PDB file of N, CA and C in Angstrom:
ATOM      1  N   MET A   1     -67.344  41.702 -49.979  1.00  0.00           N
ATOM      2  CA  MET A   1     -67.145  40.340 -50.397  1.00  0.00           C
ATOM      3  C   MET A   1     -66.542  39.572 -49.221  1.00  0.00           C
ATOM      4  N   CYS A   2     -67.026  38.372 -48.992  1.00  0.00           N
ATOM      5  CA  CYS A   2     -66.461  37.520 -47.941  1.00  0.00           C
ATOM      6  C   CYS A   2     -65.678  36.390 -48.583  1.00  0.00           C
ATOM      7  N   LEU A   3     -64.449  36.232 -48.159  1.00  0.00           N
ATOM      8  CA  LEU A   3     -63.565  35.198 -48.685  1.00  0.00           C
ATOM      9  C   LEU A   3     -63.147  34.269 -47.569  1.00  0.00           C
ATOM     10  N   ALA A   4     -62.761  33.064 -47.930  1.00  0.00           N
ATOM     11  CA  ALA A   4     -62.110  32.182 -46.967  1.00  0.00           C
ATOM     12  C   ALA A   4     -60.624  32.524 -47.011  1.00  0.00           C
ATOM     13  N   ILE A   5     -60.039  32.692 -45.837  1.00  0.00           N
ATOM     14  CA  ILE A   5     -58.649  33.113 -45.725  1.00  0.00           C
ATOM     15  C   ILE A   5     -57.848  32.007 -45.049  1.00  0.00           C
ATOM     16  N   PRO A   6     -56.678  31.650 -45.582  1.00  0.00           N
ATOM     17  CA  PRO A   6     -55.870  30.611 -44.958  1.00  0.00           C
ATOM     18  C   PRO A   6     -55.105  31.136 -43.746  1.00  0.00           C
ATOM     19  N   GLY A   7     -55.030  30.298 -42.724  1.00  0.00           N
ATOM     20  CA  GLY A   7     -54.265  30.638 -41.539  1.00  0.00           C
ATOM     21  C   GLY A   7     -53.738  29.381 -40.870  1.00  0.00           C
ATOM     22  N   GLN A   8     -52.765  29.561 -39.986  1.00  0.00           N
ATOM     23  CA  GLN A   8     -52.165  28.435 -39.282  1.00  0.00           C
ATOM     24  C   GLN A   8     -52.670  28.413 -37.838  1.00  0.00           C
ATOM     25  N   ILE A   9     -53.089  27.229 -37.405  1.00  0.00           N
ATOM     26  CA  ILE A   9     -53.556  27.049 -36.035  1.00  0.00           C
ATOM     27  C   ILE A   9     -52.352  27.085 -35.101  1.00  0.00           C
ATOM     28  N   ILE A  10     -52.417  27.953 -34.088  1.00  0.00           N
ATOM     29  CA  ILE A  10     -51.309  28.028 -33.141  1.00  0.00           C
ATOM     30  C   ILE A  10     -51.677  27.471 -31.770  1.00  0.00           C
ATOM     31  N   GLU A  11     -52.981  27.343 -31.493  1.00  0.00           N
ATOM     32  CA  GLU A  11     -53.414  26.795 -30.209  1.00  0.00           C
ATOM     33  C   GLU A  11     -54.860  26.322 -30.343  1.00  0.00           C
ATOM     34  N   VAL A  12     -55.165  25.140 -29.792  1.00  0.00           N
ATOM     35  CA  VAL A  12     -56.519  24.592 -29.809  1.00  0.00           C
ATOM     36  C   VAL A  12     -57.010  24.461 -28.382  1.00  0.00           C
ATOM     37  N   LYS A  13     -58.284  24.841 -28.158  1.00  0.00           N
ATOM     38  CA  LYS A  13     -58.884  24.675 -26.842  1.00  0.00           C
ATOM     39  C   LYS A  13     -60.395  24.629 -26.989  1.00  0.00           C
ATOM     40  N   GLU A  14     -61.077  24.293 -25.903  1.00  0.00           N
ATOM     41  CA  GLU A  14     -62.531  24.291 -25.903  1.00  0.00           C
ATOM     42  C   GLU A  14     -63.019  25.526 -25.168  1.00  0.00           C
ATOM     43  N   ILE A  15     -63.958  26.244 -25.798  1.00  0.00           N
ATOM     44  CA  ILE A  15     -64.533  27.448 -25.197  1.00  0.00           C
ATOM     45  C   ILE A  15     -66.057  27.332 -25.294  1.00  0.00           C
ATOM     46  N   GLY A  16     -66.704  27.293 -24.149  1.00  0.00           N
ATOM     47  CA  GLY A  16     -68.159  27.227 -24.131  1.00  0.00           C
ATOM     48  C   GLY A  16     -68.727  26.017 -24.833  1.00  0.00           C
ATOM     49  N   GLY A  17     -68.040  24.897 -24.754  1.00  0.00           N
ATOM     50  CA  GLY A  17     -68.497  23.668 -25.396  1.00  0.00           C
ATOM     51  C   GLY A  17     -68.161  23.568 -26.873  1.00  0.00           C
ATOM     52  N   LEU A  18     -67.492  24.577 -27.430  1.00  0.00           N
ATOM     53  CA  LEU A  18     -67.093  24.548 -28.839  1.00  0.00           C
ATOM     54  C   LEU A  18     -65.587  24.398 -28.955  1.00  0.00           C
ATOM     55  N   ARG A  19     -65.164  23.605 -29.925  1.00  0.00           N
ATOM     56  CA  ARG A  19     -63.734  23.452 -30.193  1.00  0.00           C
ATOM     57  C   ARG A  19     -63.276  24.691 -30.941  1.00  0.00           C
ATOM     58  N   SER A  20     -62.270  25.355 -30.400  1.00  0.00           N
ATOM     59  CA  SER A  20     -61.838  26.592 -31.006  1.00  0.00           C
ATOM     60  C   SER A  20     -60.334  26.682 -31.035  1.00  0.00           C
ATOM     61  N   ALA A  21     -59.829  27.666 -31.775  1.00  0.00           N
ATOM     62  CA  ALA A  21     -58.378  27.796 -31.932  1.00  0.00           C
ATOM     63  C   ALA A  21     -58.003  29.251 -32.132  1.00  0.00           C
ATOM     64  N   ARG A  22     -56.770  29.540 -31.780  1.00  0.00           N
ATOM     65  CA  ARG A  22     -56.149  30.801 -32.174  1.00  0.00           C
ATOM     66  C   ARG A  22     -55.449  30.500 -33.495  1.00  0.00           C
ATOM     67  N   VAL A  23     -55.801  31.283 -34.507  1.00  0.00           N
ATOM     68  CA  VAL A  23     -55.279  31.056 -35.852  1.00  0.00           C
ATOM     69  C   VAL A  23     -54.543  32.310 -36.296  1.00  0.00           C
ATOM     70  N   GLN A  24     -53.355  32.102 -36.859  1.00  0.00           N
ATOM     71  CA  GLN A  24     -52.522  33.219 -37.301  1.00  0.00           C
ATOM     72  C   GLN A  24     -52.646  33.405 -38.804  1.00  0.00           C
ATOM     73  N   PHE A  25     -52.935  34.658 -39.195  1.00  0.00           N
ATOM     74  CA  PHE A  25     -53.017  35.061 -40.596  1.00  0.00           C
ATOM     75  C   PHE A  25     -51.925  36.112 -40.799  1.00  0.00           C
ATOM     76  N   GLY A  26     -50.757  35.700 -41.223  1.00  0.00           N
ATOM     77  CA  GLY A  26     -49.647  36.646 -41.299  1.00  0.00           C
ATOM     78  C   GLY A  26     -49.326  37.090 -39.884  1.00  0.00           C
ATOM     79  N   GLY A  27     -49.406  38.373 -39.598  1.00  0.00           N
ATOM     80  CA  GLY A  27     -49.120  38.875 -38.259  1.00  0.00           C
ATOM     81  C   GLY A  27     -50.353  39.064 -37.393  1.00  0.00           C
ATOM     82  N   ILE A  28     -51.526  38.673 -37.880  1.00  0.00           N
ATOM     83  CA  ILE A  28     -52.785  38.851 -37.151  1.00  0.00           C
ATOM     84  C   ILE A  28     -53.257  37.508 -36.615  1.00  0.00           C
ATOM     85  N   VAL A  29     -53.733  37.505 -35.355  1.00  0.00           N
ATOM     86  CA  VAL A  29     -54.252  36.280 -34.746  1.00  0.00           C
ATOM     87  C   VAL A  29     -55.720  36.494 -34.410  1.00  0.00           C
ATOM     88  N   ARG A  30     -56.552  35.520 -34.774  1.00  0.00           N
ATOM     89  CA  ARG A  30     -57.994  35.564 -34.509  1.00  0.00           C
ATOM     90  C   ARG A  30     -58.434  34.259 -33.844  1.00  0.00           C
ATOM     91  N   GLN A  31     -59.516  34.355 -33.067  1.00  0.00           N
ATOM     92  CA  GLN A  31     -60.148  33.184 -32.487  1.00  0.00           C
ATOM     93  C   GLN A  31     -61.089  32.609 -33.546  1.00  0.00           C
ATOM     94  N   VAL A  32     -61.024  31.290 -33.766  1.00  0.00           N
ATOM     95  CA  VAL A  32     -61.772  30.640 -34.837  1.00  0.00           C
ATOM     96  C   VAL A  32     -62.424  29.375 -34.302  1.00  0.00           C
ATOM     97  N   CYS A  33     -63.647  29.095 -34.747  1.00  0.00           N
ATOM     98  CA  CYS A  33     -64.334  27.856 -34.383  1.00  0.00           C
ATOM     99  C   CYS A  33     -63.825  26.719 -35.269  1.00  0.00           C
ATOM    100  N   LEU A  34     -63.516  25.567 -34.654  1.00  0.00           N
ATOM    101  CA  LEU A  34     -62.996  24.405 -35.392  1.00  0.00           C
ATOM    102  C   LEU A  34     -64.016  23.280 -35.535  1.00  0.00           C
ATOM    103  N   ASP A  35     -65.268  23.496 -35.172  1.00  0.00           N
ATOM    104  CA  ASP A  35     -66.249  22.416 -35.175  1.00  0.00           C
ATOM    105  C   ASP A  35     -66.456  21.765 -36.544  1.00  0.00           C
ATOM    106  N   PHE A  36     -66.234  22.496 -37.638  1.00  0.00           N
ATOM    107  CA  PHE A  36     -66.405  21.920 -38.980  1.00  0.00           C
ATOM    108  C   PHE A  36     -65.192  21.109 -39.440  1.00  0.00           C
ATOM    109  N   VAL A  37     -64.073  21.221 -38.737  1.00  0.00           N
ATOM    110  CA  VAL A  37     -62.861  20.467 -39.078  1.00  0.00           C
ATOM    111  C   VAL A  37     -62.302  19.818 -37.799  1.00  0.00           C
ATOM    112  N   PRO A  38     -62.990  18.803 -37.290  1.00  0.00           N
ATOM    113  CA  PRO A  38     -62.582  18.202 -36.015  1.00  0.00           C
ATOM    114  C   PRO A  38     -61.189  17.572 -36.050  1.00  0.00           C
ATOM    115  N   GLU A  39     -60.677  17.275 -37.226  1.00  0.00           N
ATOM    116  CA  GLU A  39     -59.350  16.666 -37.345  1.00  0.00           C
ATOM    117  C   GLU A  39     -58.222  17.692 -37.263  1.00  0.00           C
ATOM    118  N   ALA A  40     -58.544  18.978 -37.327  1.00  0.00           N
ATOM    119  CA  ALA A  40     -57.520  20.023 -37.320  1.00  0.00           C
ATOM    120  C   ALA A  40     -56.830  20.116 -35.959  1.00  0.00           C
ATOM    121  N   ALA A  41     -55.517  20.336 -36.000  1.00  0.00           N
ATOM    122  CA  ALA A  41     -54.705  20.404 -34.781  1.00  0.00           C
ATOM    123  C   ALA A  41     -53.709  21.555 -34.898  1.00  0.00           C
ATOM    124  N   ALA A  42     -53.067  21.880 -33.785  1.00  0.00           N
ATOM    125  CA  ALA A  42     -52.049  22.927 -33.781  1.00  0.00           C
ATOM    126  C   ALA A  42     -51.003  22.627 -34.848  1.00  0.00           C
ATOM    127  N   GLY A  43     -50.637  23.650 -35.610  1.00  0.00           N
ATOM    128  CA  GLY A  43     -49.673  23.502 -36.691  1.00  0.00           C
ATOM    129  C   GLY A  43     -50.318  23.317 -38.052  1.00  0.00           C
ATOM    130  N   ASP A  44     -51.587  22.875 -38.073  1.00  0.00           N
ATOM    131  CA  ASP A  44     -52.298  22.694 -39.341  1.00  0.00           C
ATOM    132  C   ASP A  44     -52.692  24.042 -39.924  1.00  0.00           C
ATOM    133  N   TYR A  45     -52.934  24.047 -41.227  1.00  0.00           N
ATOM    134  CA  TYR A  45     -53.447  25.217 -41.921  1.00  0.00           C
ATOM    135  C   TYR A  45     -54.906  24.965 -42.257  1.00  0.00           C
ATOM    136  N   VAL A  46     -55.734  25.998 -42.081  1.00  0.00           N
ATOM    137  CA  VAL A  46     -57.162  25.887 -42.361  1.00  0.00           C
ATOM    138  C   VAL A  46     -57.614  27.106 -43.156  1.00  0.00           C
ATOM    139  N   MET A  47     -58.687  26.927 -43.910  1.00  0.00           N
ATOM    140  CA  MET A  47     -59.343  28.041 -44.583  1.00  0.00           C
ATOM    141  C   MET A  47     -60.445  28.509 -43.653  1.00  0.00           C
ATOM    142  N   VAL A  48     -60.486  29.816 -43.380  1.00  0.00           N
ATOM    143  CA  VAL A  48     -61.421  30.387 -42.411  1.00  0.00           C
ATOM    144  C   VAL A  48     -62.373  31.340 -43.118  1.00  0.00           C
ATOM    145  N   HIS A  49     -63.664  31.147 -42.847  1.00  0.00           N
ATOM    146  CA  HIS A  49     -64.710  32.013 -43.400  1.00  0.00           C
ATOM    147  C   HIS A  49     -65.615  32.456 -42.260  1.00  0.00           C
ATOM    148  N   VAL A  50     -65.753  33.749 -42.068  1.00  0.00           N
ATOM    149  CA  VAL A  50     -66.559  34.378 -41.016  1.00  0.00           C
ATOM    150  C   VAL A  50     -66.400  33.716 -39.647  1.00  0.00           C
ATOM    151  N   GLY A  51     -65.155  33.461 -39.275  1.00  0.00           N
ATOM    152  CA  GLY A  51     -64.864  32.938 -37.942  1.00  0.00           C
ATOM    153  C   GLY A  51     -64.935  31.435 -37.793  1.00  0.00           C
ATOM    154  N   PHE A  52     -65.170  30.703 -38.880  1.00  0.00           N
ATOM    155  CA  PHE A  52     -65.241  29.248 -38.850  1.00  0.00           C
ATOM    156  C   PHE A  52     -64.204  28.658 -39.795  1.00  0.00           C
ATOM    157  N   ALA A  53     -63.414  27.715 -39.291  1.00  0.00           N
ATOM    158  CA  ALA A  53     -62.519  26.958 -40.171  1.00  0.00           C
ATOM    159  C   ALA A  53     -63.410  26.014 -40.967  1.00  0.00           C
ATOM    160  N   ILE A  54     -63.294  26.041 -42.296  1.00  0.00           N
ATOM    161  CA  ILE A  54     -64.187  25.230 -43.117  1.00  0.00           C
ATOM    162  C   ILE A  54     -63.495  24.048 -43.784  1.00  0.00           C
ATOM    163  N   THR A  55     -62.172  24.076 -43.853  1.00  0.00           N
ATOM    164  CA  THR A  55     -61.432  22.950 -44.409  1.00  0.00           C
ATOM    165  C   THR A  55     -59.957  23.076 -44.063  1.00  0.00           C
ATOM    166  N   LYS A  56     -59.274  21.939 -44.019  1.00  0.00           N
ATOM    167  CA  LYS A  56     -57.816  21.949 -43.871  1.00  0.00           C
ATOM    168  C   LYS A  56     -57.189  22.075 -45.248  1.00  0.00           C
ATOM    169  N   VAL A  57     -56.036  22.724 -45.300  1.00  0.00           N
ATOM    170  CA  VAL A  57     -55.255  22.806 -46.532  1.00  0.00           C
ATOM    171  C   VAL A  57     -53.791  22.582 -46.178  1.00  0.00           C
ATOM    172  N   ASP A  58     -53.005  22.210 -47.177  1.00  0.00           N
ATOM    173  CA  ASP A  58     -51.577  22.041 -46.894  1.00  0.00           C
ATOM    174  C   ASP A  58     -50.888  23.400 -46.889  1.00  0.00           C
ATOM    175  N   ARG A  59     -49.701  23.444 -46.354  1.00  0.00           N
ATOM    176  CA  ARG A  59     -48.957  24.692 -46.192  1.00  0.00           C
ATOM    177  C   ARG A  59     -48.760  25.418 -47.521  1.00  0.00           C
ATOM    178  N   LEU A  60     -48.416  24.696 -48.582  1.00  0.00           N
ATOM    179  CA  LEU A  60     -48.164  25.339 -49.873  1.00  0.00           C
ATOM    180  C   LEU A  60     -49.424  25.996 -50.426  1.00  0.00           C
ATOM    181  N   GLU A  61     -50.557  25.314 -50.313  1.00  0.00           N
ATOM    182  CA  GLU A  61     -51.818  25.897 -50.783  1.00  0.00           C
ATOM    183  C   GLU A  61     -52.186  27.123 -49.954  1.00  0.00           C
ATOM    184  N   ALA A  62     -51.986  27.047 -48.633  1.00  0.00           N
ATOM    185  CA  ALA A  62     -52.270  28.185 -47.758  1.00  0.00           C
ATOM    186  C   ALA A  62     -51.412  29.388 -48.151  1.00  0.00           C
ATOM    187  N   GLU A  63     -50.127  29.169 -48.368  1.00  0.00           N
ATOM    188  CA  GLU A  63     -49.225  30.267 -48.736  1.00  0.00           C
ATOM    189  C   GLU A  63     -49.580  30.857 -50.090  1.00  0.00           C
ATOM    190  N   ARG A  64     -49.916  30.001 -51.051  1.00  0.00           N
ATOM    191  CA  ARG A  64     -50.279  30.459 -52.400  1.00  0.00           C
ATOM    192  C   ARG A  64     -51.555  31.319 -52.338  1.00  0.00           C
ATOM    193  N   THR A  65     -52.549  30.868 -51.589  1.00  0.00           N
ATOM    194  CA  THR A  65     -53.806  31.612 -51.460  1.00  0.00           C
ATOM    195  C   THR A  65     -53.589  32.930 -50.733  1.00  0.00           C
ATOM    196  N   PHE A  66     -52.793  32.909 -49.660  1.00  0.00           N
ATOM    197  CA  PHE A  66     -52.510  34.121 -48.888  1.00  0.00           C
ATOM    198  C   PHE A  66     -51.841  35.169 -49.775  1.00  0.00           C
ATOM    199  N   ARG A  67     -50.854  34.744 -50.567  1.00  0.00           N
ATOM    200  CA  ARG A  67     -50.171  35.671 -51.481  1.00  0.00           C
ATOM    201  C   ARG A  67     -51.133  36.252 -52.515  1.00  0.00           C
ATOM    202  N   ALA A  68     -51.997  35.411 -53.074  1.00  0.00           N
ATOM    203  CA  ALA A  68     -52.962  35.882 -54.079  1.00  0.00           C
ATOM    204  C   ALA A  68     -53.902  36.919 -53.471  1.00  0.00           C
ATOM    205  N   LEU A  69     -54.353  36.686 -52.246  1.00  0.00           N
ATOM    206  CA  LEU A  69     -55.229  37.659 -51.585  1.00  0.00           C
ATOM    207  C   LEU A  69     -54.495  38.969 -51.313  1.00  0.00           C
ATOM    208  N   GLN A  70     -53.230  38.884 -50.917  1.00  0.00           N
ATOM    209  CA  GLN A  70     -52.449  40.103 -50.694  1.00  0.00           C
ATOM    210  C   GLN A  70     -52.297  40.890 -51.991  1.00  0.00           C
ATOM    211  N   GLU A  71     -52.069  40.180 -53.088  1.00  0.00           N
ATOM    212  CA  GLU A  71     -51.902  40.848 -54.376  1.00  0.00           C
ATOM    213  C   GLU A  71     -53.193  41.525 -54.821  1.00  0.00           C
ATOM    214  N   MET A  72     -54.336  40.953 -54.471  1.00  0.00           N
ATOM    215  CA  MET A  72     -55.622  41.552 -54.821  1.00  0.00           C
ATOM    216  C   MET A  72     -55.996  42.664 -53.852  1.00  0.00           C
ATOM    217  N   GLU A  73     -55.188  42.845 -52.810  1.00  0.00           N
ATOM    218  CA  GLU A  73     -55.407  43.854 -51.783  1.00  0.00           C
ATOM    219  C   GLU A  73     -56.724  43.660 -51.050  1.00  0.00           C
ATOM    220  N   GLY A  74     -57.217  42.415 -50.993  1.00  0.00           N
ATOM    221  CA  GLY A  74     -58.458  42.140 -50.294  1.00  0.00           C
ATOM    222  C   GLY A  74     -58.239  41.574 -48.908  1.00  0.00           C
ATOM    223  N   LEU A  75     -57.027  41.193 -48.605  1.00  0.00           N
ATOM    224  CA  LEU A  75     -56.751  40.529 -47.344  1.00  0.00           C
ATOM    225  C   LEU A  75     -56.955  41.439 -46.145  1.00  0.00           C
ATOM    226  N   GLU A  76     -56.415  42.632 -46.194  1.00  0.00           N
ATOM    227  CA  GLU A  76     -56.536  43.543 -45.062  1.00  0.00           C
ATOM    228  C   GLU A  76     -57.996  43.895 -44.783  1.00  0.00           C
ATOM    229  N   ASP A  77     -58.783  44.109 -45.844  1.00  0.00           N
ATOM    230  CA  ASP A  77     -60.197  44.435 -45.672  1.00  0.00           C
ATOM    231  C   ASP A  77     -60.950  43.292 -45.016  1.00  0.00           C
ATOM    232  N   GLU A  78     -60.681  42.070 -45.442  1.00  0.00           N
ATOM    233  CA  GLU A  78     -61.368  40.912 -44.871  1.00  0.00           C
ATOM    234  C   GLU A  78     -61.024  40.725 -43.403  1.00  0.00           C
ATOM    235  N   LEU A  79     -59.745  40.849 -43.055  1.00  0.00           N
ATOM    236  CA  LEU A  79     -59.340  40.670 -41.662  1.00  0.00           C
ATOM    237  C   LEU A  79     -59.842  41.817 -40.800  1.00  0.00           C
ATOM    238  N   ALA A  80     -59.863  43.019 -41.317  1.00  0.00           N
ATOM    239  CA  ALA A  80     -60.323  44.170 -40.549  1.00  0.00           C
ATOM    240  C   ALA A  80     -61.817  44.111 -40.315  1.00  0.00           C
ATOM    241  N   SER A  81     -62.587  43.536 -41.239  1.00  0.00           N
ATOM    242  CA  SER A  81     -64.044  43.504 -41.096  1.00  0.00           C
ATOM    243  C   SER A  81     -64.509  42.359 -40.208  1.00  0.00           C
ATOM    244  N   SER A  82     -63.591  41.485 -39.811  1.00  0.00           N
ATOM    245  CA  SER A  82     -63.952  40.364 -38.953  1.00  0.00           C
ATOM    246  C   SER A  82     -64.345  40.858 -37.577  1.00  0.00           C
ATOM    247  N   SER A  83     -65.373  40.234 -37.016  1.00  0.00           N
ATOM    248  CA  SER A  83     -65.778  40.598 -35.656  1.00  0.00           C
ATOM    249  C   SER A  83     -65.121  39.719 -34.618  1.00  0.00           C
ATOM    250  N   SER A  84     -64.181  38.860 -35.050  1.00  0.00           N
ATOM    251  CA  SER A  84     -63.479  37.966 -34.132  1.00  0.00           C
ATOM    252  C   SER A  84     -62.462  38.722 -33.319  1.00  0.00           C
ATOM    253  N   GLU A  85     -62.032  38.113 -32.224  1.00  0.00           N
ATOM    254  CA  GLU A  85     -61.045  38.706 -31.327  1.00  0.00           C
ATOM    255  C   GLU A  85     -59.687  38.801 -31.992  1.00  0.00           C
ATOM    256  N   SER A  86     -59.014  39.897 -31.800  1.00  0.00           N
ATOM    257  CA  SER A  86     -57.687  40.128 -32.354  1.00  0.00           C
ATOM    258  C   SER A  86     -56.655  40.113 -31.244  1.00  0.00           C
ATOM    259  N   HIS A  87     -55.452  39.575 -31.516  1.00  0.00           N
ATOM    260  CA  HIS A  87     -54.351  39.556 -30.542  1.00  0.00           C
ATOM    261  C   HIS A  87     -53.119  40.126 -31.164  1.00  0.00           C
TER     262      HIS A  87
END
């Protein structure tokens, strides 16, 4: 199952002509494409699906969703199955 996972943008930059960011999901950091949310900036929270930020969310919604995914024990599987870069 593929889910959108909330994360916080910690750095924005352009890579290969695409707007991208390092996004933190708990203690895991992944490289994410920001082209679908051009208004997103460092410090914002976004929902990420298969390496693409698909929408901005507020901090409370991000935290609530993250906790729900942890409780369902699906979060680790989703982050581990990602082919994005890990830091």
